Amino acid sequence: MKRVFSGVQPTGNIHIGNYLGALRQFVELQNDNECIYCIVDMHSITVPQDPKELRKHTLDVAALYMAIGVDPKKATVFVQSDVPGHAELSWVLTCSSYTGELSRMTQFKDKSRGKESAPTGLFSYPVLMAADILLYDTNIVPVGNDQKQHIELCRDLAIRINNKYGETFIVPEGRFLKEGARIMALDEPARKMSKSAENPLSRISLLDDESKIKKSIMKSTTDSEGTIRFDFENKPGVSNLLNIYSSFSGMSIEEIERKYEGCGYGEFKKDLVQVTTDALKSIRERYEEIRNSEELIKALKEGAEKANAVAEQTMARVKDRFGLGIGK
């Protein structure tokens, strides 16, 4: 079986853009692959964090992994900082990367724009991400489309080191959704849905109750045309809502367009509230069941042990290639 690795930051409630863009793939992949899923808490400290809140959010995300259907009996689930190999390999990769290629990373440019200086961790974030992936001899990385540039850097680093030191890493492949399936902000459909957006109605989080879901959808941006059809260039708001409806209902965009031909946005949005609420109900119920359970802690501890066993094998190989330590 091929090995799959991916991770999510514990920086607040996961929204439906995260879920439909990446997390749902986690569940699909676990039946036919060896899957390793991580809560990447070390990535979170590129910006200041409250320690208690960070630990809380780490457990929140772990519980959400399991609530959406990730099965610890099928997949390895653990917290990044519980496996020292992530930081260790990150330093090795940092020494094989260049400031020029890191400074071209779009996310770094976006997050540091207008600032006199930025944290070094933000600059080297993609190298740690590459370490996360390469540490487990990963074949497939299921991520959102916004991570394509980081995956390319990871591949470049693996190829560069393989060419210089001999076969050291497997060169991974990204697994992305089609661009049309990307979920955008409900209030500004030109921007992707974000956990950090100021307007809480711009997103729907997996744990939102029905009243919050209803308010977010009913106040979402559409247009003055009044026709329910998919056209992201001219009707980004309606097209975004169609994507959400299709993703949760299993209906094609064309089927939804036919269903609501001649209908107004109000009726369409009302039905979308129900579709979304129904889809998220079982996730919310499972989350409440597991969040404060011993089952969750046990799964994370066992997952860290399994992950560490793989990571130690990789680091032994890396150290041998680079001449680190005293050798065998």
C-alpha atoms as a PDB file:
ATOM      1  CA  MET A   1       0.000   0.000   0.000  1.00  0.00           C
ATOM      2  CA  LYS A   2       1.076   3.564  -0.600  1.00  0.00           C
ATOM      3  CA  ARG A   3       1.793   5.770   2.401  1.00  0.00           C
ATOM      4  CA  VAL A   4      -0.257   8.929   2.884  1.00  0.00           C
ATOM      5  CA  PHE A   5       0.665  11.854   5.150  1.00  0.00           C
ATOM      6  CA  SER A   6      -1.125  15.096   5.905  1.00  0.00           C
ATOM      7  CA  GLY A   7      -1.740  17.435   8.821  1.00  0.00           C
ATOM      8  CA  VAL A   8      -3.824  20.350  10.080  1.00  0.00           C
ATOM      9  CA  GLN A   9      -2.869  23.208  12.374  1.00  0.00           C
ATOM     10  CA  PRO A  10      -4.650  23.470  15.750  1.00  0.00           C
ATOM     11  CA  THR A  11      -5.484  27.152  15.326  1.00  0.00           C
ATOM     12  CA  GLY A  12      -9.196  27.283  15.987  1.00  0.00           C
ATOM     13  CA  ASN A  13     -12.280  25.517  14.727  1.00  0.00           C
ATOM     14  CA  ILE A  14     -11.929  23.733  11.372  1.00  0.00           C
ATOM     15  CA  HIS A  15     -14.294  25.115   8.730  1.00  0.00           C
ATOM     16  CA  ILE A  16     -16.023  23.411   5.810  1.00  0.00           C
ATOM     17  CA  GLY A  17     -13.360  24.700   3.399  1.00  0.00           C
ATOM     18  CA  ASN A  18     -10.727  22.698   5.323  1.00  0.00           C
ATOM     19  CA  TYR A  19     -13.039  19.707   5.468  1.00  0.00           C
ATOM     20  CA  LEU A  20     -14.109  19.623   1.822  1.00  0.00           C
ATOM     21  CA  GLY A  21     -10.692  20.684   0.532  1.00  0.00           C
ATOM     22  CA  ALA A  22      -8.550  18.172   2.433  1.00  0.00           C
ATOM     23  CA  LEU A  23      -9.970  16.430   5.490  1.00  0.00           C
ATOM     24  CA  ARG A  24     -12.657  14.490   3.668  1.00  0.00           C
ATOM     25  CA  GLN A  25      -9.899  12.963   1.575  1.00  0.00           C
ATOM     26  CA  PHE A  26      -8.337  11.628   4.789  1.00  0.00           C
ATOM     27  CA  VAL A  27     -11.323   9.340   5.319  1.00  0.00           C
ATOM     28  CA  GLU A  28     -11.492   8.254   1.672  1.00  0.00           C
ATOM     29  CA  LEU A  29      -7.811   7.301   1.616  1.00  0.00           C
ATOM     30  CA  GLN A  30      -7.554   5.337   4.871  1.00  0.00           C
ATOM     31  CA  ASN A  31      -9.167   2.157   3.540  1.00  0.00           C
ATOM     32  CA  ASP A  32      -6.677   1.461   0.748  1.00  0.00           C
ATOM     33  CA  ASN A  33      -3.499   3.154   1.985  1.00  0.00           C
ATOM     34  CA  GLU A  34      -1.224   3.350   5.004  1.00  0.00           C
ATOM     35  CA  CYS A  35      -2.283   6.734   6.372  1.00  0.00           C
ATOM     36  CA  ILE A  36      -0.444   8.975   8.838  1.00  0.00           C
ATOM     37  CA  TYR A  37      -2.358  12.056   9.993  1.00  0.00           C
ATOM     38  CA  CYS A  38      -0.811  14.701  12.206  1.00  0.00           C
ATOM     39  CA  ILE A  39      -1.952  17.709  14.244  1.00  0.00           C
ATOM     40  CA  VAL A  40       0.870  20.093  13.346  1.00  0.00           C
ATOM     41  CA  ASP A  41       1.159  22.101  16.559  1.00  0.00           C
ATOM     42  CA  MET A  42       4.761  23.168  15.850  1.00  0.00           C
ATOM     43  CA  HIS A  43       3.559  25.050  12.774  1.00  0.00           C
ATOM     44  CA  SER A  44       1.161  27.021  14.962  1.00  0.00           C
ATOM     45  CA  ILE A  45       3.894  28.740  16.958  1.00  0.00           C
ATOM     46  CA  THR A  46       5.105  30.711  13.942  1.00  0.00           C
ATOM     47  CA  VAL A  47       2.765  33.279  15.527  1.00  0.00           C
ATOM     48  CA  PRO A  48       2.296  33.793  19.299  1.00  0.00           C
ATOM     49  CA  GLN A  49       0.008  31.257  20.971  1.00  0.00           C
ATOM     50  CA  ASP A  50      -1.493  30.929  24.425  1.00  0.00           C
ATOM     51  CA  PRO A  51      -0.094  27.581  25.684  1.00  0.00           C
ATOM     52  CA  LYS A  52      -3.356  26.443  27.301  1.00  0.00           C
ATOM     53  CA  GLU A  53      -5.378  27.383  24.231  1.00  0.00           C
ATOM     54  CA  LEU A  54      -2.906  25.660  21.921  1.00  0.00           C
ATOM     55  CA  ARG A  55      -3.181  22.380  23.839  1.00  0.00           C
ATOM     56  CA  LYS A  56      -6.977  22.697  23.887  1.00  0.00           C
ATOM     57  CA  HIS A  57      -7.140  23.298  20.141  1.00  0.00           C
ATOM     58  CA  THR A  58      -4.747  20.409  19.538  1.00  0.00           C
ATOM     59  CA  LEU A  59      -7.165  18.028  21.238  1.00  0.00           C
ATOM     60  CA  ASP A  60     -10.090  19.709  19.458  1.00  0.00           C
ATOM     61  CA  VAL A  61      -8.580  18.948  16.060  1.00  0.00           C
ATOM     62  CA  ALA A  62      -7.663  15.401  17.056  1.00  0.00           C
ATOM     63  CA  ALA A  63     -11.264  14.817  18.118  1.00  0.00           C
ATOM     64  CA  LEU A  64     -12.506  16.314  14.858  1.00  0.00           C
ATOM     65  CA  TYR A  65     -10.261  13.947  12.879  1.00  0.00           C
ATOM     66  CA  MET A  66     -12.031  11.051  14.520  1.00  0.00           C
ATOM     67  CA  ALA A  67     -15.453  12.710  14.338  1.00  0.00           C
ATOM     68  CA  ILE A  68     -15.288  13.029  10.548  1.00  0.00           C
ATOM     69  CA  GLY A  69     -14.433   9.337  10.248  1.00  0.00           C
ATOM     70  CA  VAL A  70     -10.667   8.936  10.600  1.00  0.00           C
ATOM     71  CA  ASP A  71     -10.260   5.568  12.338  1.00  0.00           C
ATOM     72  CA  PRO A  72      -7.166   5.176  14.597  1.00  0.00           C
ATOM     73  CA  LYS A  73      -7.305   1.424  13.900  1.00  0.00           C
ATOM     74  CA  LYS A  74      -6.766   2.133  10.199  1.00  0.00           C
ATOM     75  CA  ALA A  75      -4.722   5.350  10.337  1.00  0.00           C
ATOM     76  CA  THR A  76      -1.945   6.657  12.597  1.00  0.00           C
ATOM     77  CA  VAL A  77      -3.106   9.862  14.333  1.00  0.00           C
ATOM     78  CA  PHE A  78      -0.691  11.852  16.513  1.00  0.00           C
ATOM     79  CA  VAL A  79       0.569  15.279  17.580  1.00  0.00           C
ATOM     80  CA  GLN A  80       3.586  16.614  15.659  1.00  0.00           C
ATOM     81  CA  SER A  81       5.605  17.786  18.683  1.00  0.00           C
ATOM     82  CA  ASP A  82       5.394  14.302  20.227  1.00  0.00           C
ATOM     83  CA  VAL A  83       7.772  13.035  17.514  1.00  0.00           C
ATOM     84  CA  PRO A  84      11.227  14.742  17.733  1.00  0.00           C
ATOM     85  CA  GLY A  85      12.153  13.704  14.192  1.00  0.00           C
ATOM     86  CA  HIS A  86      10.063  16.543  12.720  1.00  0.00           C
ATOM     87  CA  ALA A  87      12.300  19.245  14.204  1.00  0.00           C
ATOM     88  CA  GLU A  88      15.466  17.213  13.609  1.00  0.00           C
ATOM     89  CA  LEU A  89      14.783  16.641   9.906  1.00  0.00           C
ATOM     90  CA  SER A  90      13.610  20.228   9.489  1.00  0.00           C
ATOM     91  CA  TRP A  91      17.097  21.481  10.403  1.00  0.00           C
ATOM     92  CA  VAL A  92      18.744  19.094   7.924  1.00  0.00           C
ATOM     93  CA  LEU A  93      16.400  20.282   5.159  1.00  0.00           C
ATOM     94  CA  THR A  94      16.933  23.922   6.131  1.00  0.00           C
ATOM     95  CA  CYS A  95      20.637  23.442   5.449  1.00  0.00           C
ATOM     96  CA  SER A  96      19.776  22.173   1.952  1.00  0.00           C
ATOM     97  CA  SER A  97      17.305  24.960   1.103  1.00  0.00           C
ATOM     98  CA  TYR A  98      17.957  28.503  -0.144  1.00  0.00           C
ATOM     99  CA  THR A  99      16.675  31.883   1.007  1.00  0.00           C
ATOM    100  CA  GLY A 100      15.735  32.751  -2.561  1.00  0.00           C
ATOM    101  CA  GLU A 101      13.285  29.882  -2.973  1.00  0.00           C
ATOM    102  CA  LEU A 102      11.795  30.403   0.489  1.00  0.00           C
ATOM    103  CA  SER A 103      11.321  34.133  -0.080  1.00  0.00           C
ATOM    104  CA  ARG A 104       9.280  33.315  -3.202  1.00  0.00           C
ATOM    105  CA  MET A 105       6.684  31.351  -1.240  1.00  0.00           C
ATOM    106  CA  THR A 106       3.332  33.061  -1.801  1.00  0.00           C
ATOM    107  CA  GLN A 107       2.041  32.460   1.733  1.00  0.00           C
ATOM    108  CA  PHE A 108       5.157  34.014   3.277  1.00  0.00           C
ATOM    109  CA  LYS A 109       4.838  37.074   1.032  1.00  0.00           C
ATOM    110  CA  ASP A 110       1.159  37.432   1.928  1.00  0.00           C
ATOM    111  CA  LYS A 111       1.660  37.078   5.685  1.00  0.00           C
ATOM    112  CA  SER A 112       4.735  39.332   5.846  1.00  0.00           C
ATOM    113  CA  ARG A 113       3.467  42.047   3.488  1.00  0.00           C
ATOM    114  CA  GLY A 114       3.685  45.525   5.012  1.00  0.00           C
ATOM    115  CA  LYS A 115       5.775  44.356   7.959  1.00  0.00           C
ATOM    116  CA  GLU A 116       9.295  45.582   8.644  1.00  0.00           C
ATOM    117  CA  SER A 117      10.299  42.064   9.648  1.00  0.00           C
ATOM    118  CA  ALA A 118       8.649  38.660  10.090  1.00  0.00           C
ATOM    119  CA  PRO A 119       9.353  35.683  12.372  1.00  0.00           C
ATOM    120  CA  THR A 120      12.022  33.352  11.023  1.00  0.00           C
ATOM    121  CA  GLY A 121       9.662  30.456  11.678  1.00  0.00           C
ATOM    122  CA  LEU A 122       7.173  31.941   9.226  1.00  0.00           C
ATOM    123  CA  PHE A 123       9.935  32.135   6.630  1.00  0.00           C
ATOM    124  CA  SER A 124      11.060  28.533   7.148  1.00  0.00           C
ATOM    125  CA  TYR A 125       7.536  27.127   7.651  1.00  0.00           C
ATOM    126  CA  PRO A 126       7.593  25.316   4.266  1.00  0.00           C
ATOM    127  CA  VAL A 127      10.799  23.505   5.243  1.00  0.00           C
ATOM    128  CA  LEU A 128       9.165  22.110   8.377  1.00  0.00           C
ATOM    129  CA  MET A 129       6.213  21.066   6.225  1.00  0.00           C
ATOM    130  CA  ALA A 130       8.620  19.270   3.889  1.00  0.00           C
ATOM    131  CA  ALA A 131      10.176  17.529   6.910  1.00  0.00           C
ATOM    132  CA  ASP A 132       6.717  16.415   8.070  1.00  0.00           C
ATOM    133  CA  ILE A 133       6.163  14.728   4.709  1.00  0.00           C
ATOM    134  CA  LEU A 134       9.612  13.293   3.981  1.00  0.00           C
ATOM    135  CA  LEU A 135      10.026  11.904   7.510  1.00  0.00           C
ATOM    136  CA  TYR A 136       7.491   9.164   6.718  1.00  0.00           C
ATOM    137  CA  ASP A 137       8.583   8.127   3.195  1.00  0.00           C
ATOM    138  CA  THR A 138       5.296   9.583   2.011  1.00  0.00           C
ATOM    139  CA  ASN A 139       3.885   8.755  -1.419  1.00  0.00           C
ATOM    140  CA  ILE A 140       0.714  10.870  -1.362  1.00  0.00           C
ATOM    141  CA  VAL A 141      -0.065  14.195   0.362  1.00  0.00           C
ATOM    142  CA  PRO A 142      -3.789  15.115   0.378  1.00  0.00           C
ATOM    143  CA  VAL A 143      -3.958  18.908   0.781  1.00  0.00           C
ATOM    144  CA  GLY A 144      -5.888  21.922  -0.422  1.00  0.00           C
ATOM    145  CA  ASN A 145      -4.980  23.638  -3.675  1.00  0.00           C
ATOM    146  CA  ASP A 146      -3.345  26.518  -1.792  1.00  0.00           C
ATOM    147  CA  GLN A 147      -0.540  24.166  -0.724  1.00  0.00           C
ATOM    148  CA  LYS A 148       0.705  23.312  -4.227  1.00  0.00           C
ATOM    149  CA  GLN A 149       3.745  25.592  -3.983  1.00  0.00           C
ATOM    150  CA  HIS A 150       4.790  24.029  -0.670  1.00  0.00           C
ATOM    151  CA  ILE A 151       4.473  20.524  -2.114  1.00  0.00           C
ATOM    152  CA  GLU A 152       6.677  21.537  -5.039  1.00  0.00           C
ATOM    153  CA  LEU A 153       9.322  22.813  -2.622  1.00  0.00           C
ATOM    154  CA  CYS A 154       9.165  19.522  -0.737  1.00  0.00           C
ATOM    155  CA  ARG A 155       9.685  17.608  -3.972  1.00  0.00           C
ATOM    156  CA  ASP A 156      12.578  19.890  -4.982  1.00  0.00           C
ATOM    157  CA  LEU A 157      14.333  19.335  -1.639  1.00  0.00           C
ATOM    158  CA  ALA A 158      13.910  15.561  -1.862  1.00  0.00           C
ATOM    159  CA  ILE A 159      15.287  15.459  -5.419  1.00  0.00           C
ATOM    160  CA  ARG A 160      18.164  17.817  -4.534  1.00  0.00           C
ATOM    161  CA  ILE A 161      19.258  15.677  -1.576  1.00  0.00           C
ATOM    162  CA  ASN A 162      18.812  12.410  -3.503  1.00  0.00           C
ATOM    163  CA  ASN A 163      21.025  13.743  -6.288  1.00  0.00           C
ATOM    164  CA  LYS A 164      23.728  14.920  -3.887  1.00  0.00           C
ATOM    165  CA  TYR A 165      23.757  12.208  -1.214  1.00  0.00           C
ATOM    166  CA  GLY A 166      22.214   9.202  -2.920  1.00  0.00           C
ATOM    167  CA  GLU A 167      18.693   7.804  -2.605  1.00  0.00           C
ATOM    168  CA  THR A 168      17.475   9.232   0.693  1.00  0.00           C
ATOM    169  CA  PHE A 169      13.840  10.281   0.290  1.00  0.00           C
ATOM    170  CA  ILE A 170      10.773   9.180  -1.617  1.00  0.00           C
ATOM    171  CA  VAL A 171       9.585  12.073  -3.808  1.00  0.00           C
ATOM    172  CA  PRO A 172       5.915  12.584  -2.834  1.00  0.00           C
ATOM    173  CA  GLU A 173       2.925  13.516  -4.964  1.00  0.00           C
ATOM    174  CA  GLY A 174       0.263  16.025  -3.934  1.00  0.00           C
ATOM    175  CA  ARG A 175      -3.378  14.966  -4.132  1.00  0.00           C
ATOM    176  CA  PHE A 176      -5.526  18.012  -4.836  1.00  0.00           C
ATOM    177  CA  LEU A 177      -9.184  18.635  -5.467  1.00  0.00           C
ATOM    178  CA  LYS A 178     -10.205  20.246  -8.727  1.00  0.00           C
ATOM    179  CA  GLU A 179     -10.096  24.040  -8.554  1.00  0.00           C
ATOM    180  CA  GLY A 180     -13.880  24.243  -8.948  1.00  0.00           C
ATOM    181  CA  ALA A 181     -14.370  22.463  -5.618  1.00  0.00           C
ATOM    182  CA  ARG A 182     -12.513  25.135  -3.643  1.00  0.00           C
ATOM    183  CA  ILE A 183     -14.715  26.692  -0.974  1.00  0.00           C
ATOM    184  CA  MET A 184     -14.575  30.472  -0.749  1.00  0.00           C
ATOM    185  CA  ALA A 185     -15.574  33.005   1.933  1.00  0.00           C
ATOM    186  CA  LEU A 186     -19.330  33.482   2.181  1.00  0.00           C
ATOM    187  CA  ASP A 187     -19.065  37.266   2.443  1.00  0.00           C
ATOM    188  CA  GLU A 188     -16.223  37.765  -0.053  1.00  0.00           C
ATOM    189  CA  PRO A 189     -16.314  34.902  -2.575  1.00  0.00           C
ATOM    190  CA  ALA A 190     -13.149  36.153  -4.273  1.00  0.00           C
ATOM    191  CA  ARG A 191     -11.216  35.048  -1.162  1.00  0.00           C
ATOM    192  CA  LYS A 192     -10.867  31.519   0.177  1.00  0.00           C
ATOM    193  CA  MET A 193     -12.705  30.637   3.381  1.00  0.00           C
ATOM    194  CA  SER A 194     -10.423  31.342   6.350  1.00  0.00           C
ATOM    195  CA  LYS A 195     -10.363  30.640  10.105  1.00  0.00           C
ATOM    196  CA  SER A 196      -8.697  34.018  10.679  1.00  0.00           C
ATOM    197  CA  ALA A 197     -11.198  36.226   8.812  1.00  0.00           C
ATOM    198  CA  GLU A 198     -12.666  38.986  11.004  1.00  0.00           C
ATOM    199  CA  ASN A 199     -16.256  38.303   9.995  1.00  0.00           C
ATOM    200  CA  PRO A 200     -17.425  35.055  11.672  1.00  0.00           C
ATOM    201  CA  LEU A 201     -20.241  34.805   9.114  1.00  0.00           C
ATOM    202  CA  SER A 202     -17.667  34.425   6.330  1.00  0.00           C
ATOM    203  CA  ARG A 203     -17.237  30.756   7.241  1.00  0.00           C
ATOM    204  CA  ILE A 204     -19.084  27.721   8.519  1.00  0.00           C
ATOM    205  CA  SER A 205     -17.180  25.678  11.074  1.00  0.00           C
ATOM    206  CA  LEU A 206     -17.734  21.958  11.525  1.00  0.00           C
ATOM    207  CA  LEU A 207     -19.046  22.483  15.067  1.00  0.00           C
ATOM    208  CA  ASP A 208     -21.371  25.422  14.330  1.00  0.00           C
ATOM    209  CA  ASP A 209     -24.952  24.994  15.515  1.00  0.00           C
ATOM    210  CA  GLU A 210     -27.923  25.303  13.180  1.00  0.00           C
ATOM    211  CA  SER A 211     -28.592  28.963  14.007  1.00  0.00           C
ATOM    212  CA  LYS A 212     -25.018  29.986  13.115  1.00  0.00           C
ATOM    213  CA  ILE A 213     -25.105  27.926   9.892  1.00  0.00           C
ATOM    214  CA  LYS A 214     -28.418  29.507   8.935  1.00  0.00           C
ATOM    215  CA  LYS A 215     -27.216  33.041   9.628  1.00  0.00           C
ATOM    216  CA  SER A 216     -23.999  32.541   7.643  1.00  0.00           C
ATOM    217  CA  ILE A 217     -25.750  31.118   4.587  1.00  0.00           C
ATOM    218  CA  MET A 218     -28.739  33.470   4.553  1.00  0.00           C
ATOM    219  CA  LYS A 219     -26.408  36.506   4.763  1.00  0.00           C
ATOM    220  CA  SER A 220     -23.958  35.157   2.174  1.00  0.00           C
ATOM    221  CA  THR A 221     -23.065  37.314  -0.822  1.00  0.00           C
ATOM    222  CA  THR A 222     -24.852  36.582  -4.113  1.00  0.00           C
ATOM    223  CA  ASP A 223     -25.695  39.080  -6.878  1.00  0.00           C
ATOM    224  CA  SER A 224     -28.610  40.990  -8.394  1.00  0.00           C
ATOM    225  CA  GLU A 225     -29.245  38.652 -11.337  1.00  0.00           C
ATOM    226  CA  GLY A 226     -31.483  36.245  -9.439  1.00  0.00           C
ATOM    227  CA  THR A 227     -30.554  33.167 -11.492  1.00  0.00           C
ATOM    228  CA  ILE A 228     -29.080  30.060  -9.887  1.00  0.00           C
ATOM    229  CA  ARG A 229     -26.303  28.992 -12.249  1.00  0.00           C
ATOM    230  CA  PHE A 230     -22.607  28.179 -11.965  1.00  0.00           C
ATOM    231  CA  ASP A 231     -20.341  30.924 -13.340  1.00  0.00           C
ATOM    232  CA  PHE A 232     -17.426  31.633 -11.009  1.00  0.00           C
ATOM    233  CA  GLU A 233     -16.159  34.587 -13.013  1.00  0.00           C
ATOM    234  CA  ASN A 234     -19.433  36.504 -13.139  1.00  0.00           C
ATOM    235  CA  LYS A 235     -21.362  34.921 -10.233  1.00  0.00           C
ATOM    236  CA  PRO A 236     -18.738  33.931  -7.629  1.00  0.00           C
ATOM    237  CA  GLY A 237     -21.112  34.051  -4.652  1.00  0.00           C
ATOM    238  CA  VAL A 238     -23.807  31.816  -6.151  1.00  0.00           C
ATOM    239  CA  SER A 239     -21.169  29.504  -7.634  1.00  0.00           C
ATOM    240  CA  ASN A 240     -19.576  29.110  -4.200  1.00  0.00           C
ATOM    241  CA  LEU A 241     -22.932  28.172  -2.675  1.00  0.00           C
ATOM    242  CA  LEU A 242     -23.516  25.680  -5.492  1.00  0.00           C
ATOM    243  CA  ASN A 243     -20.147  24.086  -4.721  1.00  0.00           C
ATOM    244  CA  ILE A 244     -21.078  23.707  -1.060  1.00  0.00           C
ATOM    245  CA  TYR A 245     -24.517  22.282  -1.928  1.00  0.00           C
ATOM    246  CA  SER A 246     -22.982  19.800  -4.379  1.00  0.00           C
ATOM    247  CA  SER A 247     -20.225  18.722  -1.992  1.00  0.00           C
ATOM    248  CA  PHE A 248     -22.608  17.972   0.877  1.00  0.00           C
ATOM    249  CA  SER A 249     -25.550  16.567  -1.085  1.00  0.00           C
ATOM    250  CA  GLY A 250     -23.692  14.467  -3.651  1.00  0.00           C
ATOM    251  CA  MET A 251     -25.729  16.074  -6.437  1.00  0.00           C
ATOM    252  CA  SER A 252     -23.920  17.460  -9.475  1.00  0.00           C
ATOM    253  CA  ILE A 253     -23.904  21.201 -10.136  1.00  0.00           C
ATOM    254  CA  GLU A 254     -26.050  20.590 -13.221  1.00  0.00           C
ATOM    255  CA  GLU A 255     -28.659  18.689 -11.198  1.00  0.00           C
ATOM    256  CA  ILE A 256     -28.867  21.492  -8.652  1.00  0.00           C
ATOM    257  CA  GLU A 257     -29.184  24.114 -11.402  1.00  0.00           C
ATOM    258  CA  ARG A 258     -32.102  22.172 -12.901  1.00  0.00           C
ATOM    259  CA  LYS A 259     -33.736  21.697  -9.489  1.00  0.00           C
ATOM    260  CA  TYR A 260     -33.737  25.434  -8.788  1.00  0.00           C
ATOM    261  CA  GLU A 261     -34.496  26.703 -12.286  1.00  0.00           C
ATOM    262  CA  GLY A 262     -36.868  29.634 -11.911  1.00  0.00           C
ATOM    263  CA  CYS A 263     -36.429  29.772  -8.121  1.00  0.00           C
ATOM    264  CA  GLY A 264     -35.075  32.691  -6.133  1.00  0.00           C
ATOM    265  CA  TYR A 265     -31.985  32.854  -3.968  1.00  0.00           C
ATOM    266  CA  GLY A 266     -34.050  32.765  -0.767  1.00  0.00           C
ATOM    267  CA  GLU A 267     -35.480  29.315  -1.428  1.00  0.00           C
ATOM    268  CA  PHE A 268     -32.098  28.015  -2.602  1.00  0.00           C
ATOM    269  CA  LYS A 269     -30.331  29.312   0.512  1.00  0.00           C
ATOM    270  CA  LYS A 270     -33.022  27.908   2.810  1.00  0.00           C
ATOM    271  CA  ASP A 271     -32.538  24.439   1.342  1.00  0.00           C
ATOM    272  CA  LEU A 272     -28.750  24.813   1.519  1.00  0.00           C
ATOM    273  CA  VAL A 273     -29.063  25.501   5.257  1.00  0.00           C
ATOM    274  CA  GLN A 274     -30.826  22.149   5.673  1.00  0.00           C
ATOM    275  CA  VAL A 275     -28.363  20.270   3.461  1.00  0.00           C
ATOM    276  CA  THR A 276     -25.387  21.690   5.375  1.00  0.00           C
ATOM    277  CA  THR A 277     -26.962  21.156   8.810  1.00  0.00           C
ATOM    278  CA  ASP A 278     -27.787  17.523   8.012  1.00  0.00           C
ATOM    279  CA  ALA A 279     -24.244  16.887   6.755  1.00  0.00           C
ATOM    280  CA  LEU A 280     -22.566  18.326   9.861  1.00  0.00           C
ATOM    281  CA  LYS A 281     -24.922  16.935  12.519  1.00  0.00           C
ATOM    282  CA  SER A 282     -23.262  13.513  12.835  1.00  0.00           C
ATOM    283  CA  ILE A 283     -19.790  15.118  12.985  1.00  0.00           C
ATOM    284  CA  ARG A 284     -20.857  17.395  15.835  1.00  0.00           C
ATOM    285  CA  GLU A 285     -22.465  14.507  17.751  1.00  0.00           C
ATOM    286  CA  ARG A 286     -19.412  12.246  17.396  1.00  0.00           C
ATOM    287  CA  TYR A 287     -17.115  15.107  18.440  1.00  0.00           C
ATOM    288  CA  GLU A 288     -19.066  15.696  21.656  1.00  0.00           C
ATOM    289  CA  GLU A 289     -18.875  11.978  22.404  1.00  0.00           C
ATOM    290  CA  ILE A 290     -15.103  11.690  22.027  1.00  0.00           C
ATOM    291  CA  ARG A 291     -13.597  15.098  22.882  1.00  0.00           C
ATOM    292  CA  ASN A 292     -13.047  14.497  26.616  1.00  0.00           C
ATOM    293  CA  SER A 293     -12.658  10.724  26.470  1.00  0.00           C
ATOM    294  CA  GLU A 294      -9.749   8.449  27.356  1.00  0.00           C
ATOM    295  CA  GLU A 295     -10.213   6.955  23.896  1.00  0.00           C
ATOM    296  CA  LEU A 296      -8.844  10.149  22.333  1.00  0.00           C
ATOM    297  CA  ILE A 297      -5.735  10.362  24.541  1.00  0.00           C
ATOM    298  CA  LYS A 298      -5.030   6.650  24.084  1.00  0.00           C
ATOM    299  CA  ALA A 299      -5.287   6.957  20.286  1.00  0.00           C
ATOM    300  CA  LEU A 300      -2.860   9.915  20.229  1.00  0.00           C
ATOM    301  CA  LYS A 301      -0.297   8.185  22.462  1.00  0.00           C
ATOM    302  CA  GLU A 302      -0.400   4.996  20.399  1.00  0.00           C
ATOM    303  CA  GLY A 303      -0.225   7.046  17.213  1.00  0.00           C
ATOM    304  CA  ALA A 304       2.877   8.898  18.430  1.00  0.00           C
ATOM    305  CA  GLU A 305       4.592   5.592  19.205  1.00  0.00           C
ATOM    306  CA  LYS A 306       3.873   4.248  15.717  1.00  0.00           C
ATOM    307  CA  ALA A 307       4.922   7.500  14.036  1.00  0.00           C
ATOM    308  CA  ASN A 308       8.120   7.717  16.073  1.00  0.00           C
ATOM    309  CA  ALA A 309       9.128   4.200  15.057  1.00  0.00           C
ATOM    310  CA  VAL A 310       8.934   5.183  11.366  1.00  0.00           C
ATOM    311  CA  ALA A 311      10.591   8.565  11.966  1.00  0.00           C
ATOM    312  CA  GLU A 312      13.583   7.010  13.748  1.00  0.00           C
ATOM    313  CA  GLN A 313      14.236   4.710  10.780  1.00  0.00           C
ATOM    314  CA  THR A 314      14.167   7.668   8.397  1.00  0.00           C
ATOM    315  CA  MET A 315      16.467   9.772  10.593  1.00  0.00           C
ATOM    316  CA  ALA A 316      18.964   6.910  10.885  1.00  0.00           C
ATOM    317  CA  ARG A 317      19.128   6.817   7.085  1.00  0.00           C
ATOM    318  CA  VAL A 318      19.392  10.620   6.802  1.00  0.00           C
ATOM    319  CA  LYS A 319      22.187  10.803   9.382  1.00  0.00           C
ATOM    320  CA  ASP A 320      24.084   8.062   7.573  1.00  0.00           C
ATOM    321  CA  ARG A 321      23.814   9.914   4.234  1.00  0.00           C
ATOM    322  CA  PHE A 322      24.873  13.264   5.744  1.00  0.00           C
ATOM    323  CA  GLY A 323      27.631  11.867   7.957  1.00  0.00           C
ATOM    324  CA  LEU A 324      25.968  12.880  11.190  1.00  0.00           C
ATOM    325  CA  GLY A 325      26.663  11.098  14.478  1.00  0.00           C
ATOM    326  CA  ILE A 326      29.301   8.402  14.999  1.00  0.00           C
ATOM    327  CA  GLY A 327      27.645   5.924  12.638  1.00  0.00           C
ATOM    328  CA  LYS A 328      26.885   2.271  13.261  1.00  0.00           C
END
